[in-house]
């Protein structure tokens, strides 16, 4: 009887092992597990790429606008009305200051005009800078995880300096 009990126990163990080996061969849910692991990583990479693209577009648009303002000031007479026209040109793309901003959130208070060197009314250089303008991200990591130090709100501050073209003061 003792041998018979041992044989029954061995048979039961072998049946349990066969059941476990059945699971080794079955791979029907593996793809779903892999997808659950990889999908969040791909989504984060996609969001980061989209956010970088938006920032780059915003920066280049504001830099081109500042360049057009500096080009306008470097080839025209320097006085108070020209500064206002140049700021409108940078922000709105026209002298009247009408229409939509070149980049959402940009205003004339964000445009700084500096003239350096030379004599009064005939400076050597004209600098147009964008100041106190922050990029507003769609996916703000700091806001999502409630850590303001990881915020993706970064300053957009291009600056363009050009040589003043006129050599005589305007009348």
Foldseek 3Di string as FASTA:
>chain_A
DVVVVVVVVVVVVVVVVVVVVVVVVDPPCVVVVVCVVCVVVVVVVVLVVVQVVVVVVVLVLLQVLQVVLQVQQLEDWDDDLSLQQSLLCSFPVGSVNDDHGSDPPDHSVQWDWDFDPDDPRAGFKIKIKGPPDWDDGPCFPCVVVVNVVSGPTDDRMDMDMDTRDDDDHDD
